[in-house]
PDB file of N, CA and C in Angstrom:
ATOM      1  N   MET A   1       0.814  -1.190   0.000  1.00  0.00           N
ATOM      2  CA  MET A   1       0.000   0.000   0.000  1.00  0.00           C
ATOM      3  C   MET A   1       0.859   1.256   0.000  1.00  0.00           C
ATOM      4  N   LEU A   2       1.957   1.262   0.745  1.00  0.00           N
ATOM      5  CA  LEU A   2       2.831   2.420   0.790  1.00  0.00           C
ATOM      6  C   LEU A   2       3.388   2.737  -0.591  1.00  0.00           C
ATOM      7  N   ALA A   3       3.581   1.736  -1.409  1.00  0.00           N
ATOM      8  CA  ALA A   3       4.165   1.948  -2.735  1.00  0.00           C
ATOM      9  C   ALA A   3       3.279   2.812  -3.621  1.00  0.00           C
ATOM     10  N   ARG A   4       1.969   2.824  -3.418  1.00  0.00           N
ATOM     11  CA  ARG A   4       1.060   3.609  -4.248  1.00  0.00           C
ATOM     12  C   ARG A   4       0.941   5.053  -3.777  1.00  0.00           C
ATOM     13  N   GLU A   5       1.188   5.322  -2.529  1.00  0.00           N
ATOM     14  CA  GLU A   5       0.922   6.646  -1.968  1.00  0.00           C
ATOM     15  C   GLU A   5       1.729   7.781  -2.596  1.00  0.00           C
ATOM     16  N   PRO A   6       3.034   7.659  -2.833  1.00  0.00           N
ATOM     17  CA  PRO A   6       3.761   8.787  -3.430  1.00  0.00           C
ATOM     18  C   PRO A   6       3.203   9.207  -4.784  1.00  0.00           C
ATOM     19  N   ALA A   7       2.616   8.305  -5.537  1.00  0.00           N
ATOM     20  CA  ALA A   7       2.046   8.638  -6.838  1.00  0.00           C
ATOM     21  C   ALA A   7       0.868   9.604  -6.705  1.00  0.00           C
ATOM     22  N   ARG A   8       0.246   9.648  -5.545  1.00  0.00           N
ATOM     23  CA  ARG A   8      -0.899  10.531  -5.321  1.00  0.00           C
ATOM     24  C   ARG A   8      -0.460  11.932  -4.903  1.00  0.00           C
ATOM     25  N   LEU A   9       0.811  12.137  -4.666  1.00  0.00           N
ATOM     26  CA  LEU A   9       1.322  13.411  -4.178  1.00  0.00           C
ATOM     27  C   LEU A   9       2.071  14.151  -5.275  1.00  0.00           C
ATOM     28  N   LYS A  10       2.071  15.462  -5.173  1.00  0.00           N
ATOM     29  CA  LYS A  10       2.834  16.278  -6.114  1.00  0.00           C
ATOM     30  C   LYS A  10       4.316  16.184  -5.766  1.00  0.00           C
ATOM     31  N   PRO A  11       5.193  16.264  -6.764  1.00  0.00           N
ATOM     32  CA  PRO A  11       6.628  16.256  -6.469  1.00  0.00           C
ATOM     33  C   PRO A  11       6.973  17.381  -5.493  1.00  0.00           C
ATOM     34  N   GLY A  12       7.815  17.089  -4.536  1.00  0.00           N
ATOM     35  CA  GLY A  12       8.205  18.059  -3.530  1.00  0.00           C
ATOM     36  C   GLY A  12       7.268  18.115  -2.328  1.00  0.00           C
ATOM     37  N   SER A  13       6.204  17.318  -2.359  1.00  0.00           N
ATOM     38  CA  SER A  13       5.272  17.293  -1.224  1.00  0.00           C
ATOM     39  C   SER A  13       5.965  16.772   0.020  1.00  0.00           C
ATOM     40  N   ARG A  14       5.460  17.206   1.176  1.00  0.00           N
ATOM     41  CA  ARG A  14       5.969  16.704   2.447  1.00  0.00           C
ATOM     42  C   ARG A  14       4.855  15.953   3.155  1.00  0.00           C
ATOM     43  N   VAL A  15       5.233  14.893   3.844  1.00  0.00           N
ATOM     44  CA  VAL A  15       4.282  14.049   4.568  1.00  0.00           C
ATOM     45  C   VAL A  15       4.868  13.793   5.952  1.00  0.00           C
ATOM     46  N   VAL A  16       4.012  13.859   6.966  1.00  0.00           N
ATOM     47  CA  VAL A  16       4.441  13.525   8.322  1.00  0.00           C
ATOM     48  C   VAL A  16       3.738  12.245   8.739  1.00  0.00           C
ATOM     49  N   VAL A  17       4.518  11.288   9.234  1.00  0.00           N
ATOM     50  CA  VAL A  17       3.989  10.012   9.720  1.00  0.00           C
ATOM     51  C   VAL A  17       4.203   9.978  11.229  1.00  0.00           C
ATOM     52  N   PHE A  18       3.145   9.663  11.965  1.00  0.00           N
ATOM     53  CA  PHE A  18       3.232   9.513  13.418  1.00  0.00           C
ATOM     54  C   PHE A  18       2.666   8.144  13.739  1.00  0.00           C
ATOM     55  N   ASP A  19       3.523   7.228  14.133  1.00  0.00           N
ATOM     56  CA  ASP A  19       3.074   5.858  14.410  1.00  0.00           C
ATOM     57  C   ASP A  19       4.133   5.155  15.243  1.00  0.00           C
ATOM     58  N   LYS A  20       3.854   3.905  15.549  1.00  0.00           N
ATOM     59  CA  LYS A  20       4.747   3.087  16.369  1.00  0.00           C
ATOM     60  C   LYS A  20       5.710   2.336  15.458  1.00  0.00           C
ATOM     61  N   PHE A  21       6.970   2.743  15.487  1.00  0.00           N
ATOM     62  CA  PHE A  21       7.990   2.078  14.678  1.00  0.00           C
ATOM     63  C   PHE A  21       9.233   1.864  15.508  1.00  0.00           C
ATOM     64  N   LEU A  22       9.844   0.739  15.330  1.00  0.00           N
ATOM     65  CA  LEU A  22      11.152   0.465  15.897  1.00  0.00           C
ATOM     66  C   LEU A  22      12.171   1.194  15.019  1.00  0.00           C
ATOM     67  N   PRO A  23      13.056   2.007  15.609  1.00  0.00           N
ATOM     68  CA  PRO A  23      14.071   2.663  14.783  1.00  0.00           C
ATOM     69  C   PRO A  23      14.864   1.627  13.970  1.00  0.00           C
ATOM     70  N   ASP A  24      15.173   1.972  12.741  1.00  0.00           N
ATOM     71  CA  ASP A  24      15.842   1.031  11.837  1.00  0.00           C
ATOM     72  C   ASP A  24      17.142   0.491  12.416  1.00  0.00           C
ATOM     73  N   ALA A  25      17.863   1.294  13.170  1.00  0.00           N
ATOM     74  CA  ALA A  25      19.158   0.869  13.693  1.00  0.00           C
ATOM     75  C   ALA A  25      19.058   0.101  15.011  1.00  0.00           C
ATOM     76  N   ASP A  26      17.877   0.100  15.635  1.00  0.00           N
ATOM     77  CA  ASP A  26      17.727  -0.567  16.937  1.00  0.00           C
ATOM     78  C   ASP A  26      17.498  -2.062  16.793  1.00  0.00           C
ATOM     79  N   ARG A  27      17.972  -2.766  17.795  1.00  0.00           N
ATOM     80  CA  ARG A  27      17.778  -4.219  17.870  1.00  0.00           C
ATOM     81  C   ARG A  27      16.399  -4.491  18.468  1.00  0.00           C
ATOM     82  N   LEU A  28      15.717  -5.482  17.972  1.00  0.00           N
ATOM     83  CA  LEU A  28      14.423  -5.892  18.510  1.00  0.00           C
ATOM     84  C   LEU A  28      14.669  -6.684  19.790  1.00  0.00           C
ATOM     85  N   THR A  29      14.265  -6.115  20.918  1.00  0.00           N
ATOM     86  CA  THR A  29      14.541  -6.739  22.209  1.00  0.00           C
ATOM     87  C   THR A  29      13.465  -7.767  22.565  1.00  0.00           C
ATOM     88  N   LEU A  30      13.809  -8.632  23.483  1.00  0.00           N
ATOM     89  CA  LEU A  30      12.856  -9.623  23.966  1.00  0.00           C
ATOM     90  C   LEU A  30      11.655  -8.929  24.618  1.00  0.00           C
ATOM     91  N   GLY A  31      11.909  -7.863  25.373  1.00  0.00           N
ATOM     92  CA  GLY A  31      10.824  -7.127  26.010  1.00  0.00           C
ATOM     93  C   GLY A  31       9.831  -6.580  25.008  1.00  0.00           C
ATOM     94  N   ARG A  32      10.332  -6.014  23.913  1.00  0.00           N
ATOM     95  CA  ARG A  32       9.439  -5.467  22.882  1.00  0.00           C
ATOM     96  C   ARG A  32       8.670  -6.592  22.196  1.00  0.00           C
ATOM     97  N   ARG A  33       9.316  -7.715  21.978  1.00  0.00           N
ATOM     98  CA  ARG A  33       8.612  -8.868  21.383  1.00  0.00           C
ATOM     99  C   ARG A  33       7.477  -9.338  22.281  1.00  0.00           C
ATOM    100  N   LEU A  34       7.749  -9.384  23.594  1.00  0.00           N
ATOM    101  CA  LEU A  34       6.705  -9.810  24.534  1.00  0.00           C
ATOM    102  C   LEU A  34       5.567  -8.790  24.591  1.00  0.00           C
ATOM    103  N   LEU A  35       5.900  -7.504  24.609  1.00  0.00           N
ATOM    104  CA  LEU A  35       4.860  -6.471  24.581  1.00  0.00           C
ATOM    105  C   LEU A  35       4.032  -6.554  23.304  1.00  0.00           C
ATOM    106  N   ASN A  36       4.683  -6.934  22.217  1.00  0.00           N
ATOM    107  CA  ASN A  36       3.983  -7.043  20.939  1.00  0.00           C
ATOM    108  C   ASN A  36       2.905  -8.127  20.974  1.00  0.00           C
ATOM    109  N   LEU A  37       3.114  -9.173  21.762  1.00  0.00           N
ATOM    110  CA  LEU A  37       2.082 -10.207  21.881  1.00  0.00           C
ATOM    111  C   LEU A  37       0.779  -9.597  22.379  1.00  0.00           C
ATOM    112  N   GLY A  38       0.871  -8.687  23.330  1.00  0.00           N
ATOM    113  CA  GLY A  38      -0.327  -8.018  23.840  1.00  0.00           C
ATOM    114  C   GLY A  38      -0.845  -6.948  22.897  1.00  0.00           C
ATOM    115  N   SER A  39       0.056  -6.183  22.289  1.00  0.00           N
ATOM    116  CA  SER A  39      -0.398  -5.085  21.429  1.00  0.00           C
ATOM    117  C   SER A  39      -1.090  -5.588  20.162  1.00  0.00           C
ATOM    118  N   THR A  40      -0.711  -6.757  19.676  1.00  0.00           N
ATOM    119  CA  THR A  40      -1.379  -7.283  18.482  1.00  0.00           C
ATOM    120  C   THR A  40      -2.836  -7.643  18.756  1.00  0.00           C
ATOM    121  N   LEU A  41      -3.168  -7.876  20.007  1.00  0.00           N
ATOM    122  CA  LEU A  41      -4.571  -8.114  20.353  1.00  0.00           C
ATOM    123  C   LEU A  41      -5.419  -6.867  20.110  1.00  0.00           C
ATOM    124  N   PHE A  42      -4.766  -5.699  20.138  1.00  0.00           N
ATOM    125  CA  PHE A  42      -5.457  -4.427  19.884  1.00  0.00           C
ATOM    126  C   PHE A  42      -5.265  -3.951  18.448  1.00  0.00           C
ATOM    127  N   GLY A  43      -4.693  -4.798  17.617  1.00  0.00           N
ATOM    128  CA  GLY A  43      -4.562  -4.488  16.198  1.00  0.00           C
ATOM    129  C   GLY A  43      -3.346  -3.681  15.815  1.00  0.00           C
ATOM    130  N   THR A  44      -2.303  -3.712  16.626  1.00  0.00           N
ATOM    131  CA  THR A  44      -1.109  -2.953  16.276  1.00  0.00           C
ATOM    132  C   THR A  44       0.149  -3.797  16.505  1.00  0.00           C
ATOM    133  N   ASP A  45       1.151  -3.545  15.702  1.00  0.00           N
ATOM    134  CA  ASP A  45       2.414  -4.277  15.768  1.00  0.00           C
ATOM    135  C   ASP A  45       3.518  -3.287  16.097  1.00  0.00           C
ATOM    136  N   ILE A  46       4.149  -3.432  17.243  1.00  0.00           N
ATOM    137  CA  ILE A  46       5.195  -2.491  17.664  1.00  0.00           C
ATOM    138  C   ILE A  46       6.597  -2.962  17.282  1.00  0.00           C
ATOM    139  N   THR A  47       6.686  -3.968  16.433  1.00  0.00           N
ATOM    140  CA  THR A  47       7.993  -4.466  16.011  1.00  0.00           C
ATOM    141  C   THR A  47       8.327  -4.056  14.572  1.00  0.00           C
ATOM    142  N   ARG A  48       7.466  -3.282  13.932  1.00  0.00           N
ATOM    143  CA  ARG A  48       7.704  -2.869  12.544  1.00  0.00           C
ATOM    144  C   ARG A  48       8.742  -1.763  12.476  1.00  0.00           C
ATOM    145  N   ARG A  49       9.466  -1.744  11.380  1.00  0.00           N
ATOM    146  CA  ARG A  49      10.426  -0.675  11.083  1.00  0.00           C
ATOM    147  C   ARG A  49       9.932   0.060   9.847  1.00  0.00           C
ATOM    148  N   PHE A  50       9.903   1.395   9.922  1.00  0.00           N
ATOM    149  CA  PHE A  50       9.423   2.169   8.775  1.00  0.00           C
ATOM    150  C   PHE A  50      10.295   1.938   7.551  1.00  0.00           C
ATOM    151  N   GLY A  51      11.595   1.813   7.750  1.00  0.00           N
ATOM    152  CA  GLY A  51      12.501   1.585   6.622  1.00  0.00           C
ATOM    153  C   GLY A  51      12.149   0.334   5.833  1.00  0.00           C
ATOM    154  N   ASP A  52      11.687  -0.695   6.516  1.00  0.00           N
ATOM    155  CA  ASP A  52      11.268  -1.919   5.819  1.00  0.00           C
ATOM    156  C   ASP A  52      10.027  -1.668   4.968  1.00  0.00           C
ATOM    157  N   LEU A  53       9.101  -0.865   5.491  1.00  0.00           N
ATOM    158  CA  LEU A  53       7.873  -0.564   4.747  1.00  0.00           C
ATOM    159  C   LEU A  53       8.146   0.343   3.554  1.00  0.00           C
ATOM    160  N   ALA A  54       9.127   1.226   3.679  1.00  0.00           N
ATOM    161  CA  ALA A  54       9.403   2.219   2.640  1.00  0.00           C
ATOM    162  C   ALA A  54      10.420   1.757   1.599  1.00  0.00           C
ATOM    163  N   ARG A  55      10.999   0.592   1.807  1.00  0.00           N
ATOM    164  CA  ARG A  55      12.026   0.101   0.878  1.00  0.00           C
ATOM    165  C   ARG A  55      11.454  -0.005  -0.539  1.00  0.00           C
ATOM    166  N   GLY A  56      12.160   0.592  -1.496  1.00  0.00           N
ATOM    167  CA  GLY A  56      11.749   0.533  -2.893  1.00  0.00           C
ATOM    168  C   GLY A  56      10.713   1.578  -3.275  1.00  0.00           C
ATOM    169  N   VAL A  57      10.346   2.447  -2.344  1.00  0.00           N
ATOM    170  CA  VAL A  57       9.365   3.492  -2.618  1.00  0.00           C
ATOM    171  C   VAL A  57      10.114   4.801  -2.850  1.00  0.00           C
ATOM    172  N   ASP A  58       9.627   5.618  -3.775  1.00  0.00           N
ATOM    173  CA  ASP A  58      10.304   6.859  -4.141  1.00  0.00           C
ATOM    174  C   ASP A  58       9.974   7.971  -3.139  1.00  0.00           C
ATOM    175  N   ILE A  59      10.525   7.841  -1.936  1.00  0.00           N
ATOM    176  CA  ILE A  59      10.385   8.868  -0.895  1.00  0.00           C
ATOM    177  C   ILE A  59      11.744   9.043  -0.231  1.00  0.00           C
ATOM    178  N   ARG A  60      11.899  10.169   0.447  1.00  0.00           N
ATOM    179  CA  ARG A  60      13.135  10.421   1.174  1.00  0.00           C
ATOM    180  C   ARG A  60      12.769  10.772   2.608  1.00  0.00           C
ATOM    181  N   ILE A  61      13.395  10.104   3.559  1.00  0.00           N
ATOM    182  CA  ILE A  61      13.176  10.405   4.963  1.00  0.00           C
ATOM    183  C   ILE A  61      14.053  11.608   5.313  1.00  0.00           C
ATOM    184  N   VAL A  62      13.414  12.728   5.649  1.00  0.00           N
ATOM    185  CA  VAL A  62      14.114  13.958   5.966  1.00  0.00           C
ATOM    186  C   VAL A  62      14.456  14.002   7.448  1.00  0.00           C
ATOM    187  N   GLN A  63      13.523  13.538   8.267  1.00  0.00           N
ATOM    188  CA  GLN A  63      13.704  13.583   9.712  1.00  0.00           C
ATOM    189  C   GLN A  63      12.986  12.401  10.337  1.00  0.00           C
ATOM    190  N   ASP A  64      13.579  11.826  11.368  1.00  0.00           N
ATOM    191  CA  ASP A  64      12.987  10.695  12.092  1.00  0.00           C
ATOM    192  C   ASP A  64      13.335  10.888  13.561  1.00  0.00           C
ATOM    193  N   GLU A  65      12.315  11.223  14.357  1.00  0.00           N
ATOM    194  CA  GLU A  65      12.560  11.538  15.763  1.00  0.00           C
ATOM    195  C   GLU A  65      11.703  10.681  16.679  1.00  0.00           C
ATOM    196  N   PRO A  66      12.247  10.313  17.832  1.00  0.00           N
ATOM    197  CA  PRO A  66      11.427   9.609  18.820  1.00  0.00           C
ATOM    198  C   PRO A  66      10.389  10.554  19.408  1.00  0.00           C
ATOM    199  N   SER A  67       9.260   9.997  19.813  1.00  0.00           N
ATOM    200  CA  SER A  67       8.207  10.811  20.398  1.00  0.00           C
ATOM    201  C   SER A  67       7.717  10.151  21.685  1.00  0.00           C
ATOM    202  N   LEU A  68       6.476   9.781  21.736  1.00  0.00           N
ATOM    203  CA  LEU A  68       5.854   9.262  22.950  1.00  0.00           C
ATOM    204  C   LEU A  68       6.379   7.898  23.368  1.00  0.00           C
ATOM    205  N   LEU A  69       6.176   7.580  24.635  1.00  0.00           N
ATOM    206  CA  LEU A  69       6.501   6.271  25.214  1.00  0.00           C
ATOM    207  C   LEU A  69       7.948   5.863  24.966  1.00  0.00           C
ATOM    208  N   HIS A  70       8.862   6.764  25.284  1.00  0.00           N
ATOM    209  CA  HIS A  70      10.307   6.496  25.166  1.00  0.00           C
ATOM    210  C   HIS A  70      10.714   6.117  23.745  1.00  0.00           C
ATOM    211  N   GLY A  71      10.106   6.745  22.769  1.00  0.00           N
ATOM    212  CA  GLY A  71      10.476   6.513  21.383  1.00  0.00           C
ATOM    213  C   GLY A  71       9.717   5.401  20.692  1.00  0.00           C
ATOM    214  N   THR A  72       8.756   4.782  21.388  1.00  0.00           N
ATOM    215  CA  THR A  72       7.933   3.765  20.730  1.00  0.00           C
ATOM    216  C   THR A  72       7.181   4.393  19.557  1.00  0.00           C
ATOM    217  N   TYR A  73       6.679   5.612  19.766  1.00  0.00           N
ATOM    218  CA  TYR A  73       6.076   6.373  18.671  1.00  0.00           C
ATOM    219  C   TYR A  73       7.158   7.220  18.039  1.00  0.00           C
ATOM    220  N   ARG A  74       7.109   7.352  16.737  1.00  0.00           N
ATOM    221  CA  ARG A  74       8.084   8.116  15.991  1.00  0.00           C
ATOM    222  C   ARG A  74       7.354   9.181  15.163  1.00  0.00           C
ATOM    223  N   VAL A  75       8.018  10.282  14.939  1.00  0.00           N
ATOM    224  CA  VAL A  75       7.546  11.316  14.025  1.00  0.00           C
ATOM    225  C   VAL A  75       8.536  11.317  12.867  1.00  0.00           C
ATOM    226  N   ILE A  76       8.027  11.018  11.675  1.00  0.00           N
ATOM    227  CA  ILE A  76       8.886  10.861  10.498  1.00  0.00           C
ATOM    228  C   ILE A  76       8.418  11.843   9.433  1.00  0.00           C
ATOM    229  N   LEU A  77       9.331  12.689   8.973  1.00  0.00           N
ATOM    230  CA  LEU A  77       9.035  13.647   7.902  1.00  0.00           C
ATOM    231  C   LEU A  77       9.607  13.099   6.604  1.00  0.00           C
ATOM    232  N   LEU A  78       8.756  13.058   5.583  1.00  0.00           N
ATOM    233  CA  LEU A  78       9.124  12.499   4.277  1.00  0.00           C
ATOM    234  C   LEU A  78       8.934  13.550   3.185  1.00  0.00           C
ATOM    235  N   THR A  79       9.692  13.440   2.114  1.00  0.00           N
ATOM    236  CA  THR A  79       9.427  14.225   0.903  1.00  0.00           C
ATOM    237  C   THR A  79       9.310  13.253  -0.264  1.00  0.00           C
ATOM    238  N   CYS A  80       8.547  13.682  -1.236  1.00  0.00           N
ATOM    239  CA  CYS A  80       8.317  12.857  -2.438  1.00  0.00           C
ATOM    240  C   CYS A  80       8.967  13.496  -3.632  1.00  0.00           C
TER     241      CYS A  80
END
């Protein structure tokens, strides 16, 4: 689904993503895996990495900052 989204935007557009992502450089810890067992019951996966979702898509990550819950939520600024 992410692969189709940049086509809907004008060149040079900016997009902000606010969601639960594991930073691309961080190791997936046992604690996060165990927490994920509970979070998936609520329909969310806290073990995803945005870089994995965006691979092969024509976007550029301009900024990626930790936000709520000790960085569990991330604020990611993208350009197309």
